[in-house]
């Protein structure tokens, strides 16, 4: 089996890679029969020389490799027919802008394994950059607070080397007695929690958060049954919520009344209630001043997220009374940080972490006959057709949706 680490060609450039040189060495040591090549790249966070020093062949042409590993979408003109590709295709939700990419993949007889489709039997994702989105998102939110109130200045995350540097910068600032709310229970939320804990911000219970006044910054982490409730007031557990979201309504406003800084690290499923609507945000009881929307669902469950922002220009304002975007310095603005590619700001750490998960959860499947079904579940296309699991995309491919 020949594996190729491909050059990232999507614009804007992404410096991340599936495997750092060190993790690639671990891969080679664990599976000595694997042949691994690295496509030359002038943008990757690790240089060609780093891979050469680690003992790998860096080449201009990887067309002799069977399995090609990348991060972002491969431009259609660079797709090599009859290969197995791993990358984020951004097609599984029928994203219109990538329909032609999926069509080309089918036409070129490519086996596509989208990183988002690499899951356990219960659907839980096995790999991803979520932790690093949480780390950078929490940092960027504090940076936005400092800029809004002109109380401190944090450097951009992309100018810092790693998570430790981000934490060092955060520990230089002095915060007022903020109440910080974090939603979620997955990798994104845990990444954000790492940063709050590293700042020694006190974690409090839901009851205390809602009812008590503090003379220091505090945070509370909440999950779906904290900010949603059944319409009939029964309490039936998370499984019921996931199966029957239509039976629930948002209970988020009780948190919005007492929150200064909201970090949205949750996963929002189809059919679930919005956390807060545009009407909710107009209420006199709505007191959130700052939203770091790491989940970044546009015009969705977090009403202030009217668009994704960018690494270059990460902050904008949302006027709840006019339900429109304004300058974040506006006195009536909710400050919004909604960058949708946050891990790109920490490419070295993110690449190391991603490679660790990929080596643990994916590579073994190539050498144990896929005994856990990881590759079978993840495979989107085969022999020029969609696999059964992804047949729901056929109308999308045909241009009917």
Protein backbone atom coordinates (compact mmCIF):
# COMPACT_ATOMS: atom_id res chain seq x y z
CA UNK A 1 0.00 0.00 0.00
CA UNK A 2 1.39 3.38 -1.06
CA UNK A 3 0.25 6.49 0.80
CA UNK A 4 0.72 10.03 -0.50
CA UNK A 5 0.50 13.23 1.54
CA UNK A 6 -0.89 15.71 -0.97
CA UNK A 7 -0.18 19.40 -1.40
CA UNK A 8 -3.08 21.66 -0.34
CA UNK A 9 -4.20 23.70 -3.34
CA UNK A 10 -7.43 25.34 -2.24
CA UNK A 11 -7.55 29.13 -1.85
CA UNK A 12 -7.16 30.74 0.58
CA UNK A 13 -4.11 28.56 1.35
CA UNK A 14 -4.37 26.09 4.23
CA UNK A 15 -1.11 25.26 5.98
CA UNK A 16 -2.42 22.16 7.78
CA UNK A 17 -1.51 18.58 6.85
CA UNK A 18 -2.87 15.16 7.80
CA UNK A 19 0.47 13.99 9.24
CA UNK A 20 3.33 15.93 10.79
CA UNK A 21 6.82 14.49 10.13
CA UNK A 22 6.92 13.02 13.65
CA UNK A 23 3.51 11.35 13.37
CA UNK A 24 4.45 10.04 9.94
CA UNK A 25 7.50 8.41 11.53
CA UNK A 26 5.20 6.73 14.06
CA UNK A 27 3.03 5.54 11.17
CA UNK A 28 6.05 4.09 9.35
CA UNK A 29 7.39 2.40 12.50
CA UNK A 30 4.03 0.81 13.28
CA UNK A 31 3.42 -0.33 9.69
CA UNK A 32 6.88 -0.86 8.15
CA UNK A 33 5.44 -2.29 4.93
CA UNK A 34 3.70 1.00 4.12
CA UNK A 35 5.31 3.10 1.41
CA UNK A 36 4.84 6.78 2.17
CA UNK A 37 5.57 9.75 -0.08
CA UNK A 38 5.10 13.47 0.53
CA UNK A 39 4.14 15.83 -2.27
CA UNK A 40 6.33 18.92 -2.26
CA UNK A 41 4.62 22.03 -0.85
CA UNK A 42 5.74 25.59 -0.28
CA UNK A 43 2.81 26.48 2.02
CA UNK A 44 2.65 23.55 4.45
CA UNK A 45 3.40 24.41 8.09
CA UNK A 46 6.11 21.72 8.01
CA UNK A 47 8.69 22.25 5.26
CA UNK A 48 9.79 19.71 2.67
CA UNK A 49 13.11 19.61 4.51
CA UNK A 50 11.34 18.62 7.74
CA UNK A 51 9.97 15.53 6.01
CA UNK A 52 13.29 14.71 4.35
CA UNK A 53 15.03 14.90 7.74
CA UNK A 54 12.36 12.56 9.11
CA UNK A 55 13.33 10.03 6.46
CA UNK A 56 10.60 10.50 3.85
CA UNK A 57 10.76 10.93 0.10
CA UNK A 58 9.47 14.32 -1.04
CA UNK A 59 8.32 14.24 -4.66
CA UNK A 60 6.63 16.38 -7.30
CA UNK A 61 4.50 13.50 -8.58
CA UNK A 62 2.49 11.18 -6.31
CA UNK A 63 0.42 9.52 -9.03
CA UNK A 64 1.92 6.12 -8.15
CA UNK A 65 0.34 6.20 -4.67
CA UNK A 66 -2.90 4.30 -3.99
CA UNK A 67 -4.18 6.36 -1.07
CA UNK A 68 -3.96 10.15 -1.12
CA UNK A 69 -4.37 12.07 2.14
CA UNK A 70 -5.31 15.75 2.28
CA UNK A 71 -7.20 18.27 4.38
CA UNK A 72 -9.31 20.57 2.20
CA UNK A 73 -11.11 20.02 -1.12
CA UNK A 74 -8.86 19.06 -4.02
CA UNK A 75 -9.48 21.33 -7.05
CA UNK A 76 -11.11 19.29 -9.82
CA UNK A 77 -8.21 19.75 -12.24
CA UNK A 78 -5.80 18.15 -9.75
CA UNK A 79 -7.87 15.04 -8.99
CA UNK A 80 -6.06 11.87 -10.09
CA UNK A 81 -8.46 9.20 -11.44
CA UNK A 82 -8.83 5.75 -9.88
CA UNK A 83 -7.39 6.69 -6.46
CA UNK A 84 -8.60 6.55 -2.87
CA UNK A 85 -8.84 10.10 -1.53
CA UNK A 86 -9.29 11.33 2.03
CA UNK A 87 -10.21 15.01 2.52
CA UNK A 88 -13.01 17.29 3.70
CA UNK A 89 -15.19 17.43 0.57
CA UNK A 90 -17.99 19.60 2.02
CA UNK A 91 -20.58 17.71 0.01
CA UNK A 92 -22.40 15.52 2.55
CA UNK A 93 -24.86 18.31 3.37
CA UNK A 94 -25.46 18.92 -0.35
CA UNK A 95 -23.42 22.13 -0.37
CA UNK A 96 -24.24 23.69 -3.77
CA UNK A 97 -20.75 25.13 -4.31
CA UNK A 98 -19.16 21.66 -4.31
CA UNK A 99 -21.64 19.67 -6.41
CA UNK A 100 -19.31 19.77 -9.40
CA UNK A 101 -16.52 18.36 -7.25
CA UNK A 102 -18.58 15.31 -6.31
CA UNK A 103 -19.66 14.86 -9.93
CA UNK A 104 -15.99 14.93 -11.01
CA UNK A 105 -15.04 12.40 -8.31
CA UNK A 106 -17.65 10.00 -9.66
CA UNK A 107 -16.59 10.58 -13.27
CA UNK A 108 -12.94 9.94 -12.38
CA UNK A 109 -13.78 6.67 -10.59
CA UNK A 110 -12.34 7.95 -7.31
CA UNK A 111 -13.08 6.34 -3.96
CA UNK A 112 -13.84 9.27 -1.66
CA UNK A 113 -13.58 9.05 2.11
CA UNK A 114 -14.64 12.36 3.64
CA UNK A 115 -13.02 12.99 7.04
CA UNK A 116 -16.48 13.89 8.37
CA UNK A 117 -17.79 10.43 7.47
CA UNK A 118 -15.13 8.57 9.48
CA UNK A 119 -17.33 7.59 12.40
CA UNK A 120 -18.05 4.93 14.99
CA UNK A 121 -21.08 2.69 14.53
CA UNK A 122 -23.14 5.13 16.62
CA UNK A 123 -22.22 8.00 14.31
CA UNK A 124 -19.70 9.71 16.59
CA UNK A 125 -16.87 11.24 14.60
CA UNK A 126 -13.46 9.66 15.08
CA UNK A 127 -11.24 12.39 13.68
CA UNK A 128 -11.31 16.11 13.08
CA UNK A 129 -9.93 19.48 14.07
CA UNK A 130 -12.72 20.28 16.55
CA UNK A 131 -10.50 20.57 19.61
CA UNK A 132 -8.38 23.21 17.90
CA UNK A 133 -11.44 25.12 16.71
CA UNK A 134 -12.46 25.32 20.37
CA UNK A 135 -9.01 26.41 21.51
CA UNK A 136 -8.69 29.19 18.95
CA UNK A 137 -12.36 30.20 19.14
CA UNK A 138 -12.25 30.81 22.89
CA UNK A 139 -9.03 32.81 22.50
CA UNK A 140 -10.48 34.89 19.65
CA UNK A 141 -13.52 35.68 21.76
CA UNK A 142 -11.39 37.17 24.52
CA UNK A 143 -9.41 39.07 21.88
CA UNK A 144 -12.67 40.50 20.54
CA UNK A 145 -13.70 41.57 24.06
CA UNK A 146 -10.44 43.46 24.49
CA UNK A 147 -10.83 45.21 21.14
CA UNK A 148 -14.46 46.15 21.79
CA UNK A 149 -13.79 47.67 25.22
CA UNK A 150 -10.23 48.80 24.48
CA UNK A 151 -9.24 47.19 27.78
CA UNK A 152 -6.40 44.96 26.54
CA UNK A 153 -4.80 43.88 23.29
CA UNK A 154 -4.19 40.24 22.37
CA UNK A 155 -2.16 39.36 19.28
CA UNK A 156 -3.89 37.41 16.52
CA UNK A 157 -3.78 33.67 17.14
CA UNK A 158 -2.24 33.06 13.70
CA UNK A 159 0.87 35.02 14.79
CA UNK A 160 1.50 32.68 17.73
CA UNK A 161 3.22 29.31 17.51
CA UNK A 162 1.03 27.01 19.55
CA UNK A 163 -1.62 26.59 22.23
CA UNK A 164 0.87 27.29 25.01
CA UNK A 165 1.60 30.72 23.51
CA UNK A 166 -2.12 31.46 23.33
CA UNK A 167 -2.51 30.53 27.00
CA UNK A 168 0.49 32.65 27.97
CA UNK A 169 -1.08 35.69 26.28
CA UNK A 170 -4.47 35.09 27.93
CA UNK A 171 -2.86 34.89 31.34
CA UNK A 172 -1.43 38.40 30.90
CA UNK A 173 -4.86 40.04 30.71
CA UNK A 174 -7.17 41.10 33.53
CA UNK A 175 -10.85 40.35 33.06
CA UNK A 176 -13.84 42.00 34.72
CA UNK A 177 -16.38 39.78 36.50
CA UNK A 178 -17.67 38.14 33.34
CA UNK A 179 -20.18 35.32 33.23
CA UNK A 180 -19.10 33.01 30.41
CA UNK A 181 -21.41 30.36 28.95
CA UNK A 182 -20.10 27.41 26.92
CA UNK A 183 -22.43 25.05 25.02
CA UNK A 184 -21.49 21.57 23.87
CA UNK A 185 -20.08 18.24 25.00
CA UNK A 186 -17.76 17.28 22.13
CA UNK A 187 -14.23 18.09 21.02
CA UNK A 188 -15.00 21.74 20.23
CA UNK A 189 -16.40 22.43 23.69
CA UNK A 190 -13.57 20.54 25.36
CA UNK A 191 -11.01 22.61 23.45
CA UNK A 192 -12.64 25.84 24.64
CA UNK A 193 -12.85 24.46 28.18
CA UNK A 194 -9.09 23.79 28.11
CA UNK A 195 -8.52 27.50 27.58
CA UNK A 196 -10.92 28.63 30.31
CA UNK A 197 -9.33 26.21 32.75
CA UNK A 198 -5.82 27.32 31.76
CA UNK A 199 -6.86 30.87 32.67
CA UNK A 200 -7.99 29.57 36.08
CA UNK A 201 -11.53 30.81 35.51
CA UNK A 202 -13.84 29.25 38.05
CA UNK A 203 -16.33 26.67 36.75
CA UNK A 204 -19.77 26.83 38.39
CA UNK A 205 -22.95 24.74 38.28
CA UNK A 206 -26.00 25.66 36.22
CA UNK A 207 -27.94 26.56 39.39
CA UNK A 208 -25.18 28.78 40.72
CA UNK A 209 -24.59 30.40 37.31
CA UNK A 210 -28.26 31.31 36.96
CA UNK A 211 -28.78 32.58 40.48
CA UNK A 212 -25.57 33.83 42.06
CA UNK A 213 -23.51 37.01 41.74
CA UNK A 214 -19.73 36.62 41.62
CA UNK A 215 -16.78 38.92 42.27
CA UNK A 216 -14.60 37.08 39.72
CA UNK A 217 -15.00 35.72 36.17
CA UNK A 218 -16.84 32.37 36.07
CA UNK A 219 -17.96 29.94 33.40
CA UNK A 220 -20.65 27.31 33.06
CA UNK A 221 -20.74 24.51 30.48
CA UNK A 222 -24.19 23.33 29.40
CA UNK A 223 -25.53 20.56 27.18
CA UNK A 224 -28.72 20.09 25.13
CA UNK A 225 -31.05 19.31 28.04
CA UNK A 226 -29.93 22.45 29.87
CA UNK A 227 -30.94 24.78 27.04
CA UNK A 228 -33.85 22.76 25.62
CA UNK A 229 -36.95 21.39 27.35
CA UNK A 230 -39.80 19.16 26.26
CA UNK A 231 -42.95 21.06 25.43
CA UNK A 232 -44.88 18.79 27.83
CA UNK A 233 -42.22 19.35 30.55
CA UNK A 234 -41.33 15.66 30.80
CA UNK A 235 -37.64 14.85 31.34
CA UNK A 236 -36.80 11.82 29.19
CA UNK A 237 -33.06 12.13 28.55
CA UNK A 238 -30.73 13.05 25.69
CA UNK A 239 -31.68 10.09 23.48
CA UNK A 240 -35.26 11.31 23.40
CA UNK A 241 -34.06 14.78 22.40
CA UNK A 242 -31.93 13.41 19.56
CA UNK A 243 -34.77 11.18 18.31
CA UNK A 244 -37.62 13.67 18.67
CA UNK A 245 -36.23 17.22 18.59
CA UNK A 246 -39.60 18.48 17.36
CA UNK A 247 -41.01 17.79 20.84
CA UNK A 248 -38.62 20.33 22.39
CA UNK A 249 -38.38 24.10 22.64
CA UNK A 250 -35.49 26.36 23.60
CA UNK A 251 -34.87 27.10 27.26
CA UNK A 252 -31.83 29.25 26.46
CA UNK A 253 -33.21 32.65 27.46
CA UNK A 254 -32.73 31.91 31.15
CA UNK A 255 -28.99 31.79 30.39
CA UNK A 256 -29.07 34.81 28.03
CA UNK A 257 -30.39 36.92 30.91
CA UNK A 258 -27.20 36.48 32.94
CA UNK A 259 -24.48 35.83 30.34
CA UNK A 260 -21.84 38.31 29.17
CA UNK A 261 -19.77 36.10 26.83
CA UNK A 262 -21.29 33.12 25.02
CA UNK A 263 -19.05 30.48 23.40
CA UNK A 264 -21.10 28.33 21.00
CA UNK A 265 -19.35 24.97 20.87
CA UNK A 266 -22.39 22.73 20.36
CA UNK A 267 -23.42 20.56 17.42
CA UNK A 268 -26.76 21.68 15.99
CA UNK A 269 -28.84 18.82 14.59
CA UNK A 270 -31.60 19.01 11.99
CA UNK A 271 -34.96 19.80 13.54
CA UNK A 272 -33.58 21.02 16.86
CA UNK A 273 -34.90 24.31 18.28
CA UNK A 274 -32.85 27.45 17.75
CA UNK A 275 -30.97 28.54 20.87
CA UNK A 276 -32.08 32.14 20.45
CA UNK A 277 -33.98 33.84 17.64
CA UNK A 278 -33.83 37.39 16.36
CA UNK A 279 -36.91 38.15 18.43
CA UNK A 280 -35.25 36.72 21.54
CA UNK A 281 -32.24 38.98 21.00
CA UNK A 282 -34.52 42.05 20.98
CA UNK A 283 -35.75 41.29 24.50
CA UNK A 284 -34.73 43.56 27.38
CA UNK A 285 -33.80 40.36 29.23
CA UNK A 286 -31.18 39.45 26.62
CA UNK A 287 -27.80 40.49 28.05
CA UNK A 288 -25.19 38.67 25.95
CA UNK A 289 -22.56 41.18 24.80
CA UNK A 290 -20.20 38.86 22.94
CA UNK A 291 -20.65 35.64 20.94
CA UNK A 292 -17.81 33.40 19.83
CA UNK A 293 -19.76 31.15 17.47
CA UNK A 294 -17.35 28.29 16.82
CA UNK A 295 -20.17 26.12 15.44
CA UNK A 296 -20.92 28.89 12.91
CA UNK A 297 -24.31 27.86 11.49
CA UNK A 298 -25.31 30.85 9.35
CA UNK A 299 -28.79 32.32 9.96
CA UNK A 300 -29.40 29.41 12.30
CA UNK A 301 -29.60 28.60 15.99
CA UNK A 302 -27.52 31.62 17.09
CA UNK A 303 -29.39 34.58 15.61
CA UNK A 304 -26.45 36.99 15.74
CA UNK A 305 -24.43 34.85 13.31
CA UNK A 306 -25.55 36.42 10.04
CA UNK A 307 -22.40 35.36 8.18
CA UNK A 308 -19.08 33.64 8.67
CA UNK A 309 -16.16 35.95 9.36
CA UNK A 310 -12.57 35.44 8.25
CA UNK A 311 -9.17 35.06 9.87
CA UNK A 312 -8.19 38.36 8.27
CA UNK A 313 -11.32 40.16 9.54
CA UNK A 314 -12.72 38.00 12.36
CA UNK A 315 -15.12 40.33 14.17
CA UNK A 316 -18.36 42.11 13.29
CA UNK A 317 -21.30 43.56 15.16
CA UNK A 318 -24.96 42.55 15.24
CA UNK A 319 -27.63 45.08 16.15
CA UNK A 320 -30.46 43.06 17.72
CA UNK A 321 -33.07 45.79 17.24
CA UNK A 322 -32.51 46.08 13.50
CA UNK A 323 -31.42 42.43 13.10
CA UNK A 324 -28.57 43.60 10.91
CA UNK A 325 -24.80 43.71 10.79
CA UNK A 326 -23.10 46.82 12.16
CA UNK A 327 -19.61 47.83 13.22
CA UNK A 328 -18.63 45.88 16.32
CA UNK A 329 -17.68 49.16 18.02
CA UNK A 330 -21.31 50.33 17.81
CA UNK A 331 -22.62 50.81 21.35
CA UNK A 332 -25.72 48.71 20.58
CA UNK A 333 -23.82 45.88 18.92
CA UNK A 334 -23.46 42.32 20.07
CA UNK A 335 -19.85 41.50 19.18
CA UNK A 336 -19.67 38.41 16.94
CA UNK A 337 -16.62 36.23 16.21
CA UNK A 338 -17.72 33.59 13.68
CA UNK A 339 -14.60 32.42 11.84
CA UNK A 340 -15.44 29.09 10.19
CA UNK A 341 -11.87 27.78 9.73
CA UNK A 342 -10.39 28.46 13.16
CA UNK A 343 -7.92 25.52 13.25
CA UNK A 344 -6.05 27.14 10.34
CA UNK A 345 -4.78 29.70 12.86
CA UNK A 346 -2.96 26.99 14.78
CA UNK A 347 -1.73 24.79 11.90
CA UNK A 348 1.14 23.04 13.67
CA UNK A 349 -0.79 21.92 16.76
CA UNK A 350 -3.86 21.09 14.68
CA UNK A 351 -1.85 18.93 12.27
CA UNK A 352 -0.13 17.01 15.07
CA UNK A 353 -3.47 16.35 16.79
CA UNK A 354 -5.22 15.33 13.58
CA UNK A 355 -2.43 12.91 12.66
CA UNK A 356 -2.63 11.31 16.08
CA UNK A 357 -6.35 10.58 15.61
CA UNK A 358 -5.89 9.42 12.02
CA UNK A 359 -3.11 7.02 12.97
CA UNK A 360 -5.15 5.61 15.84
CA UNK A 361 -8.53 5.30 14.11
CA UNK A 362 -8.05 5.02 10.35
CA UNK A 363 -4.66 3.59 9.34
CA UNK A 364 -5.19 0.27 11.21
CA UNK A 365 -8.21 -0.44 8.98
CA UNK A 366 -5.88 -0.82 6.00
CA UNK A 367 -4.01 -3.60 7.78
CA UNK A 368 -6.75 -5.48 9.69
CA UNK A 369 -9.25 -5.97 6.85
CA UNK A 370 -11.28 -3.06 8.23
CA UNK A 371 -12.45 -5.23 11.10
CA UNK A 372 -14.34 -2.36 12.73
CA UNK A 373 -15.99 -1.16 9.51
CA UNK A 374 -14.38 2.29 9.65
CA UNK A 375 -13.55 2.43 5.93
CA UNK A 376 -16.80 0.76 4.88
CA UNK A 377 -18.85 3.39 6.73
CA UNK A 378 -16.75 6.28 5.44
CA UNK A 379 -16.62 5.32 1.76
CA UNK A 380 -18.84 7.71 -0.19
CA UNK A 381 -18.11 6.64 -3.77
CA UNK A 382 -17.03 3.43 -5.48
CA UNK A 383 -16.85 2.31 -9.14
CA UNK A 384 -18.26 5.62 -10.31
CA UNK A 385 -21.33 5.45 -8.07
CA UNK A 386 -22.42 6.62 -4.65
CA UNK A 387 -22.33 3.90 -2.00
CA UNK A 388 -25.62 2.83 -0.40
CA UNK A 389 -24.95 4.85 2.74
CA UNK A 390 -24.64 8.05 0.67
CA UNK A 391 -27.30 7.33 -1.96
CA UNK A 392 -29.29 10.26 -0.53
CA UNK A 393 -26.87 12.49 -2.48
CA UNK A 394 -28.00 11.18 -5.89
CA UNK A 395 -30.49 13.98 -6.58
CA UNK A 396 -27.81 16.47 -5.51
CA UNK A 397 -25.36 14.89 -7.97
CA UNK A 398 -28.02 14.94 -10.70
CA UNK A 399 -28.68 18.64 -10.11
CA UNK A 400 -32.24 18.06 -8.90
CA UNK A 401 -31.55 19.63 -5.50
